[in-house]
Amino acid sequence: MEENQVAESRFPSEDETQLSLAEGIDDDTEGESTSRGSYSILSYGADYTVDSLVNRMESGAFIVPEFQRRFIWSRTHASRFIESLLMGLPVPGIFLYKRPEDGKHLVIDGQQRLKTLHSFYKGVLRENKFRLAGVREPWNGKTYDELDPDDQLRLDDSIVHAVIFGQESPKDTIDSIHFVFERINSGGIRLSPQEIRNCIAEGEFTKLTLELNQHHSWRKIYGSESLRSKDQELITRVLAFLESGEHYQKPMAAFLTNFTKQMNDAAPQKLDSLKKIFTQTSDLCWEALNGKAFRPTRTLNAAVLDSVMSELARRLRKSGAPPSLKSVKRSYDTLLASDSFRNGWESATSDEEIVKIRIREARKAFSNLK
């Protein structure tokens, strides 16, 4: 057993700094450390035979997150991985997170290798017959079923090493999973926080945010669909501040991931209510503020959006009746002109005190809407 303590701060890379701005989003939470402190992580190694890995993929014991399910290896690349195993060469291991709720394993790193093995044993790769290509004789051009029995057995018994980990403490968060996923599964391109969230906190709430991301008013407010799921993250932020803003702790990424995990276990009625309030709030914001919504400067500002939309949602949920469009626009303009509110969205927007400032000012601005 290894107990690893993870605590780190880092500066955002140039790519991370440009990520949101390239999509017209001003959000200085990009690139902040996802680590909230230290964790107790249990990790251990396990050796799996290839046929046991295939069986686990087939049975669903190994879960490839939805976001990761794209298979990008070419047939030649996949064939050479199979060839390495047939030759008895060492191959890279896989990295798994063991879920405490059901004992199933989430694939953090190694999905291309696992999907290659699964596809070869099934005999189909991208809806075509999976014949080995670009490998040495006597294997070139053969499917699994066409291999000699000795070669089949050699492949079945080949070993792939796995590192399996789980977070022992704290018990009520999954911070370390986010942090480890960020570090292990970068693939040369650092995944955005929401892309990681879609992997490690897949569930009904995650599906809801994907659905809400297509709502017509929200699409008008945000603009073109984000290639890195930033729009989906902002939906999560609005609903997280609405439901749990008083419990906010930085970093933002960990706060949103743990909120998502909690809401994945929520009752269907709760998710329906979140869907209703978000669509109502989006409609209200678009009708009252139109194309200038949440753009105090040239770009859409995430801090302005999360505070204004969450507090308008709170007002709608409390009163039931929508306020007049003129009163929303008037209160919004007054809020943006406030120096106190400006302190809540200009910089350090994930700091607890800064979040409190902008939530407080937005709540005050919209409390007496008529």
Protein backbone atom coordinates (compact mmCIF):
# COMPACT_ATOMS: atom_id res chain seq x y z
CA MET A 1 0.00 0.00 0.00
CA GLU A 2 1.25 3.47 -0.86
CA GLU A 3 -0.06 6.59 0.78
CA ASN A 4 0.54 9.63 -1.37
CA GLN A 5 0.11 13.20 -0.21
CA VAL A 6 -0.78 15.53 -3.06
CA ALA A 7 -0.61 19.29 -2.63
CA GLU A 8 0.53 21.62 -5.36
CA SER A 9 0.21 25.08 -6.80
CA ARG A 10 1.28 25.84 -10.32
CA PHE A 11 1.26 28.65 -12.84
CA PRO A 12 -1.04 28.25 -15.84
CA SER A 13 0.65 27.35 -19.09
CA GLU A 14 0.41 29.65 -22.09
CA ASP A 15 -2.03 27.21 -23.68
CA GLU A 16 -4.27 27.30 -20.61
CA THR A 17 -4.17 31.08 -20.41
CA GLN A 18 -5.33 31.32 -24.02
CA LEU A 19 -7.93 28.54 -23.76
CA SER A 20 -10.91 30.63 -22.68
CA LEU A 21 -9.89 33.83 -24.42
CA ALA A 22 -9.68 31.95 -27.72
CA GLU A 23 -13.40 31.21 -27.30
CA GLY A 24 -14.27 34.73 -26.19
CA ILE A 25 -14.55 33.91 -22.50
CA ASP A 26 -12.91 35.87 -19.70
CA ASP A 27 -12.34 33.49 -16.80
CA ASP A 28 -9.25 33.64 -14.63
CA THR A 29 -10.06 30.31 -12.95
CA GLU A 30 -8.45 28.64 -15.98
CA GLY A 31 -5.12 27.16 -15.00
CA GLU A 32 -5.66 27.32 -11.23
CA SER A 33 -4.47 24.32 -9.27
CA THR A 34 -7.15 21.66 -8.87
CA SER A 35 -5.64 20.54 -5.57
CA ARG A 36 -7.49 21.71 -2.47
CA GLY A 37 -5.00 20.24 -0.03
CA SER A 38 -3.70 16.77 0.71
CA TYR A 39 -5.30 13.39 0.18
CA SER A 40 -4.73 9.88 1.41
CA ILE A 41 -4.59 7.74 -1.71
CA LEU A 42 -4.42 3.96 -1.68
CA SER A 43 -2.66 2.61 -4.78
CA TYR A 44 -1.47 -0.84 -5.74
CA GLY A 45 -0.36 -2.79 -8.79
CA ALA A 46 -2.11 -5.69 -10.46
CA ASP A 47 -1.16 -7.89 -13.42
CA TYR A 48 -3.98 -8.87 -15.78
CA THR A 49 -3.86 -11.42 -18.56
CA VAL A 50 -5.12 -10.08 -21.88
CA ASP A 51 -8.13 -12.40 -21.97
CA SER A 52 -9.16 -11.23 -18.49
CA LEU A 53 -8.94 -7.59 -19.61
CA VAL A 54 -11.13 -8.37 -22.61
CA ASN A 55 -13.67 -10.12 -20.38
CA ARG A 56 -13.77 -7.13 -18.04
CA MET A 57 -14.31 -4.74 -20.96
CA GLU A 58 -17.08 -6.96 -22.29
CA SER A 59 -18.84 -7.25 -18.92
CA GLY A 60 -18.63 -3.55 -18.08
CA ALA A 61 -16.35 -4.06 -15.09
CA PHE A 62 -13.93 -1.63 -16.78
CA ILE A 63 -15.65 1.63 -17.69
CA VAL A 64 -14.37 4.00 -20.36
CA PRO A 65 -15.88 7.45 -19.64
CA GLU A 66 -18.19 8.84 -22.32
CA PHE A 67 -15.82 11.68 -23.18
CA GLN A 68 -12.99 9.21 -23.81
CA ARG A 69 -14.88 6.74 -25.96
CA ARG A 70 -13.47 8.00 -29.25
CA PHE A 71 -11.03 5.47 -30.69
CA ILE A 72 -8.23 7.36 -32.42
CA TRP A 73 -5.58 4.70 -33.11
CA SER A 74 -5.10 3.71 -36.73
CA ARG A 75 -5.41 0.04 -37.69
CA THR A 76 -1.63 -0.11 -38.11
CA HIS A 77 -1.03 1.39 -34.67
CA ALA A 78 -3.52 -1.01 -33.08
CA SER A 79 -1.98 -3.95 -34.98
CA ARG A 80 1.50 -3.15 -33.75
CA PHE A 81 0.26 -3.14 -30.17
CA ILE A 82 -1.12 -6.65 -30.70
CA GLU A 83 2.15 -7.65 -32.39
CA SER A 84 4.16 -6.47 -29.37
CA LEU A 85 2.13 -8.77 -27.13
CA LEU A 86 2.52 -11.71 -29.52
CA MET A 87 6.29 -11.11 -29.53
CA GLY A 88 6.39 -11.06 -25.73
CA LEU A 89 7.57 -7.43 -25.60
CA PRO A 90 6.75 -5.22 -22.58
CA VAL A 91 3.90 -2.79 -23.20
CA PRO A 92 2.78 0.31 -21.28
CA GLY A 93 0.47 -0.34 -18.35
CA ILE A 94 -2.98 1.05 -17.66
CA PHE A 95 -4.24 3.31 -14.89
CA LEU A 96 -7.55 2.60 -13.16
CA TYR A 97 -9.69 4.24 -10.47
CA LYS A 98 -11.70 1.78 -8.38
CA ARG A 99 -15.13 3.24 -7.65
CA PRO A 100 -16.15 2.68 -4.02
CA GLU A 101 -19.86 2.59 -4.80
CA ASP A 102 -19.80 -0.50 -7.05
CA GLY A 103 -16.21 -1.79 -7.25
CA LYS A 104 -16.02 -1.13 -10.98
CA HIS A 105 -12.89 0.40 -12.48
CA LEU A 106 -12.83 3.71 -14.32
CA VAL A 107 -10.18 3.80 -17.03
CA ILE A 108 -8.01 6.84 -16.40
CA ASP A 109 -5.28 5.97 -18.86
CA GLY A 110 -5.04 3.11 -21.37
CA GLN A 111 -8.39 3.15 -23.11
CA GLN A 112 -6.81 2.92 -26.60
CA ARG A 113 -4.95 -0.25 -25.57
CA LEU A 114 -8.02 -1.78 -23.93
CA LYS A 115 -10.29 -0.96 -26.86
CA THR A 116 -7.71 -2.40 -29.26
CA LEU A 117 -7.71 -5.71 -27.37
CA HIS A 118 -11.49 -5.77 -27.11
CA SER A 119 -11.88 -5.02 -30.83
CA PHE A 120 -9.33 -7.65 -31.89
CA TYR A 121 -11.03 -10.39 -29.88
CA LYS A 122 -14.44 -9.36 -31.25
CA GLY A 123 -12.96 -9.23 -34.74
CA VAL A 124 -14.30 -5.77 -35.60
CA LEU A 125 -12.55 -2.40 -35.72
CA ARG A 126 -14.63 0.62 -36.74
CA GLU A 127 -17.26 -1.66 -38.29
CA ASN A 128 -14.62 -3.42 -40.44
CA LYS A 129 -13.01 -6.83 -40.04
CA PHE A 130 -10.01 -6.39 -37.73
CA ARG A 131 -7.11 -7.98 -39.58
CA LEU A 132 -3.60 -7.22 -38.40
CA ALA A 133 -1.83 -4.82 -40.75
CA GLY A 134 1.81 -3.78 -41.05
CA VAL A 135 3.09 -6.55 -38.76
CA ARG A 136 5.45 -9.44 -39.34
CA GLU A 137 4.61 -12.90 -40.56
CA PRO A 138 2.93 -15.16 -39.72
CA TRP A 139 0.46 -12.72 -38.15
CA ASN A 140 0.01 -10.13 -40.88
CA GLY A 141 -3.51 -10.10 -42.32
CA LYS A 142 -4.97 -12.42 -39.68
CA THR A 143 -7.88 -11.98 -37.31
CA TYR A 144 -7.79 -13.36 -33.77
CA ASP A 145 -9.79 -16.42 -34.87
CA GLU A 146 -7.27 -17.08 -37.67
CA LEU A 147 -4.21 -17.10 -35.42
CA ASP A 148 -2.60 -20.45 -34.68
CA PRO A 149 -3.87 -21.91 -31.38
CA ASP A 150 -0.40 -21.46 -29.84
CA ASP A 151 -0.43 -17.77 -30.80
CA GLN A 152 -3.94 -17.34 -29.43
CA LEU A 153 -2.85 -18.85 -26.12
CA ARG A 154 0.28 -16.68 -26.04
CA LEU A 155 -1.84 -13.57 -26.55
CA ASP A 156 -4.47 -14.70 -24.03
CA ASP A 157 -1.79 -15.20 -21.39
CA SER A 158 0.15 -11.98 -22.09
CA ILE A 159 0.37 -9.70 -19.08
CA VAL A 160 -0.59 -6.03 -18.90
CA HIS A 161 0.28 -4.23 -15.68
CA ALA A 162 -2.29 -1.95 -14.06
CA VAL A 163 -2.00 0.67 -11.34
CA ILE A 164 -5.23 0.88 -9.37
CA PHE A 165 -5.94 3.72 -6.98
CA GLY A 166 -8.67 5.06 -4.75
CA GLN A 167 -9.06 8.02 -2.43
CA GLU A 168 -9.23 6.93 1.21
CA SER A 169 -9.71 10.41 2.65
CA PRO A 170 -11.36 12.81 2.67
CA LYS A 171 -14.40 10.60 2.18
CA ASP A 172 -16.83 13.24 0.91
CA THR A 173 -14.93 14.53 -2.14
CA ILE A 174 -13.29 13.18 -5.27
CA ASP A 175 -10.66 15.91 -5.53
CA SER A 176 -7.73 13.54 -5.99
CA ILE A 177 -9.40 11.77 -8.91
CA HIS A 178 -9.66 15.07 -10.76
CA PHE A 179 -6.05 15.89 -9.93
CA VAL A 180 -4.67 12.48 -10.94
CA PHE A 181 -6.73 12.41 -14.14
CA GLU A 182 -5.38 15.83 -15.06
CA ARG A 183 -1.81 14.65 -14.57
CA ILE A 184 -2.01 11.14 -16.03
CA ASN A 185 -4.34 11.51 -18.99
CA SER A 186 -3.10 14.63 -20.75
CA GLY A 187 -2.32 12.93 -24.05
CA GLY A 188 -0.10 15.86 -25.00
CA ILE A 189 -3.03 18.28 -24.65
CA ARG A 190 -4.11 19.32 -21.18
CA LEU A 191 -7.78 18.51 -20.78
CA SER A 192 -10.07 21.31 -19.65
CA PRO A 193 -11.64 20.98 -16.17
CA GLN A 194 -15.05 20.19 -17.66
CA GLU A 195 -13.63 17.56 -19.99
CA ILE A 196 -12.10 15.84 -16.96
CA ARG A 197 -15.35 16.28 -15.05
CA ASN A 198 -17.27 14.57 -17.84
CA CYS A 199 -14.96 11.58 -17.40
CA ILE A 200 -14.75 11.16 -13.66
CA ALA A 201 -18.24 12.34 -12.67
CA GLU A 202 -20.35 10.85 -15.43
CA GLY A 203 -24.00 10.53 -14.48
CA GLU A 204 -27.49 11.97 -14.73
CA PHE A 205 -26.53 15.52 -13.79
CA THR A 206 -23.68 15.47 -16.30
CA LYS A 207 -26.18 14.38 -18.95
CA LEU A 208 -28.50 17.19 -17.87
CA THR A 209 -25.83 19.84 -18.36
CA LEU A 210 -25.18 18.46 -21.84
CA GLU A 211 -28.89 18.74 -22.59
CA LEU A 212 -29.14 22.27 -21.17
CA ASN A 213 -26.15 23.27 -23.27
CA GLN A 214 -28.42 22.97 -26.33
CA HIS A 215 -31.20 25.20 -24.94
CA HIS A 216 -31.87 27.92 -27.52
CA SER A 217 -31.61 30.91 -25.17
CA TRP A 218 -28.39 29.64 -23.62
CA ARG A 219 -26.85 29.13 -27.05
CA LYS A 220 -27.71 32.73 -27.94
CA ILE A 221 -26.18 33.99 -24.69
CA TYR A 222 -22.96 31.98 -24.96
CA GLY A 223 -22.49 31.89 -28.72
CA SER A 224 -20.96 29.07 -30.74
CA GLU A 225 -20.63 25.76 -28.94
CA SER A 226 -17.34 25.42 -27.07
CA LEU A 227 -14.86 22.89 -28.36
CA ARG A 228 -13.56 22.39 -24.80
CA SER A 229 -16.90 22.22 -22.93
CA LYS A 230 -16.55 25.68 -21.35
CA ASP A 231 -20.23 26.40 -21.95
CA GLN A 232 -21.19 23.21 -20.12
CA GLU A 233 -18.93 24.19 -17.24
CA LEU A 234 -20.64 27.57 -16.89
CA ILE A 235 -24.03 25.85 -16.67
CA THR A 236 -22.59 23.73 -13.86
CA ARG A 237 -21.27 26.87 -12.14
CA VAL A 238 -24.64 28.61 -12.25
CA LEU A 239 -26.45 25.63 -10.75
CA ALA A 240 -23.70 24.97 -8.19
CA PHE A 241 -23.85 28.58 -6.96
CA LEU A 242 -27.65 28.40 -6.86
CA GLU A 243 -27.65 25.22 -4.77
CA SER A 244 -24.40 25.37 -2.78
CA GLY A 245 -22.87 28.81 -3.20
CA GLU A 246 -22.73 29.39 0.55
CA HIS A 247 -20.47 26.33 0.85
CA TYR A 248 -18.08 27.38 -1.91
CA GLN A 249 -14.38 26.67 -1.39
CA LYS A 250 -11.64 27.13 -3.94
CA PRO A 251 -10.40 25.71 -6.22
CA MET A 252 -13.37 26.18 -8.53
CA ALA A 253 -12.68 22.95 -10.43
CA ALA A 254 -12.87 20.79 -7.29
CA PHE A 255 -16.02 22.60 -6.09
CA LEU A 256 -17.78 21.95 -9.40
CA THR A 257 -16.62 18.34 -9.63
CA ASN A 258 -17.88 17.46 -6.16
CA PHE A 259 -21.17 19.29 -6.79
CA THR A 260 -21.59 17.32 -10.02
CA LYS A 261 -20.92 14.07 -8.18
CA GLN A 262 -23.53 14.92 -5.56
CA MET A 263 -26.15 15.90 -8.15
CA ASN A 264 -25.56 12.70 -10.10
CA ASP A 265 -27.14 10.96 -7.09
CA ALA A 266 -30.05 13.41 -6.85
CA ALA A 267 -33.65 12.32 -7.32
CA PRO A 268 -35.17 12.76 -10.81
CA GLN A 269 -37.53 15.40 -9.41
CA LYS A 270 -34.55 17.48 -8.28
CA LEU A 271 -32.92 17.28 -11.69
CA ASP A 272 -36.22 18.24 -13.33
CA SER A 273 -36.43 21.32 -11.11
CA LEU A 274 -32.85 22.32 -11.99
CA LYS A 275 -33.66 21.92 -15.68
CA LYS A 276 -36.75 24.08 -15.36
CA ILE A 277 -35.08 26.88 -13.41
CA PHE A 278 -32.05 27.03 -15.71
CA THR A 279 -34.12 27.23 -18.89
CA GLN A 280 -36.38 29.89 -17.34
CA THR A 281 -33.36 31.92 -16.24
CA SER A 282 -31.71 31.63 -19.66
CA ASP A 283 -34.88 32.78 -21.36
CA LEU A 284 -35.20 35.72 -18.98
CA CYS A 285 -31.57 36.79 -19.41
CA TRP A 286 -31.73 36.63 -23.18
CA GLU A 287 -35.02 38.53 -23.40
CA ALA A 288 -33.97 41.20 -20.90
CA LEU A 289 -30.28 41.58 -21.72
CA ASN A 290 -29.94 40.05 -25.23
CA GLY A 291 -26.54 40.01 -26.93
CA LYS A 292 -24.84 42.26 -24.38
CA ALA A 293 -25.48 39.91 -21.49
CA PHE A 294 -22.49 39.27 -19.22
CA ARG A 295 -20.03 41.24 -21.36
CA PRO A 296 -18.86 44.16 -19.22
CA THR A 297 -15.92 44.43 -21.58
CA ARG A 298 -15.52 42.86 -25.02
CA THR A 299 -15.73 39.23 -23.92
CA LEU A 300 -18.23 37.18 -21.95
CA ASN A 301 -17.15 37.30 -18.31
CA ALA A 302 -17.66 34.02 -16.42
CA ALA A 303 -17.78 35.68 -12.99
CA VAL A 304 -20.49 38.12 -14.04
CA LEU A 305 -22.48 35.29 -15.59
CA ASP A 306 -22.29 32.86 -12.66
CA SER A 307 -23.40 35.46 -10.10
CA VAL A 308 -26.13 37.14 -12.15
CA MET A 309 -27.70 33.95 -13.47
CA SER A 310 -27.57 32.08 -10.16
CA GLU A 311 -29.19 34.99 -8.32
CA LEU A 312 -31.84 35.54 -10.97
CA ALA A 313 -32.56 31.82 -10.76
CA ARG A 314 -32.89 32.15 -6.98
CA ARG A 315 -35.31 35.06 -7.43
CA LEU A 316 -37.39 33.10 -9.97
CA ARG A 317 -37.54 30.02 -7.77
CA LYS A 318 -38.58 32.04 -4.74
CA SER A 319 -41.34 34.11 -6.35
CA GLY A 320 -42.56 31.82 -9.10
CA ALA A 321 -43.61 34.75 -11.27
CA PRO A 322 -41.04 36.24 -13.66
CA PRO A 323 -40.18 39.91 -13.13
CA SER A 324 -40.59 42.48 -15.87
CA LEU A 325 -37.85 42.65 -18.48
CA LYS A 326 -37.37 46.36 -17.83
CA SER A 327 -36.78 45.83 -14.11
CA VAL A 328 -34.21 43.09 -14.81
CA LYS A 329 -32.36 45.30 -17.29
CA ARG A 330 -32.41 48.29 -14.93
CA SER A 331 -31.12 46.25 -11.98
CA TYR A 332 -28.46 44.62 -14.14
CA ASP A 333 -27.16 47.96 -15.40
CA THR A 334 -27.05 49.32 -11.85
CA LEU A 335 -25.18 46.22 -10.71
CA LEU A 336 -22.52 46.53 -13.43
CA ALA A 337 -21.97 50.18 -12.49
CA SER A 338 -21.27 49.20 -8.88
CA ASP A 339 -17.65 49.39 -7.75
CA SER A 340 -18.35 46.69 -5.15
CA PHE A 341 -19.59 44.28 -7.81
CA ARG A 342 -16.62 45.14 -10.02
CA ASN A 343 -14.37 43.91 -7.21
CA GLY A 344 -16.13 40.56 -7.53
CA TRP A 345 -15.45 39.94 -11.21
CA GLU A 346 -12.28 41.75 -12.26
CA SER A 347 -9.61 39.47 -10.77
CA ALA A 348 -8.97 36.52 -8.44
CA THR A 349 -12.52 35.44 -9.21
CA SER A 350 -12.23 32.00 -7.58
CA ASP A 351 -11.17 33.33 -4.16
CA GLU A 352 -13.80 32.67 -1.51
CA GLU A 353 -14.11 36.31 -0.47
CA ILE A 354 -14.37 37.54 -4.05
CA VAL A 355 -17.11 35.01 -4.77
CA LYS A 356 -19.00 36.17 -1.67
CA ILE A 357 -18.76 39.78 -2.82
CA ARG A 358 -20.25 39.24 -6.24
CA ILE A 359 -22.96 36.87 -5.00
CA ARG A 360 -23.92 39.34 -2.26
CA GLU A 361 -24.07 42.28 -4.67
CA ALA A 362 -26.07 40.35 -7.26
CA ARG A 363 -28.52 39.13 -4.63
CA LYS A 364 -29.02 42.68 -3.41
CA ALA A 365 -29.55 43.97 -6.95
CA PHE A 366 -32.24 41.43 -7.83
CA SER A 367 -34.00 41.04 -4.47
CA ASN A 368 -36.70 43.64 -5.21
CA LEU A 369 -37.46 42.93 -8.85
CA LYS A 370 -41.08 43.54 -9.86
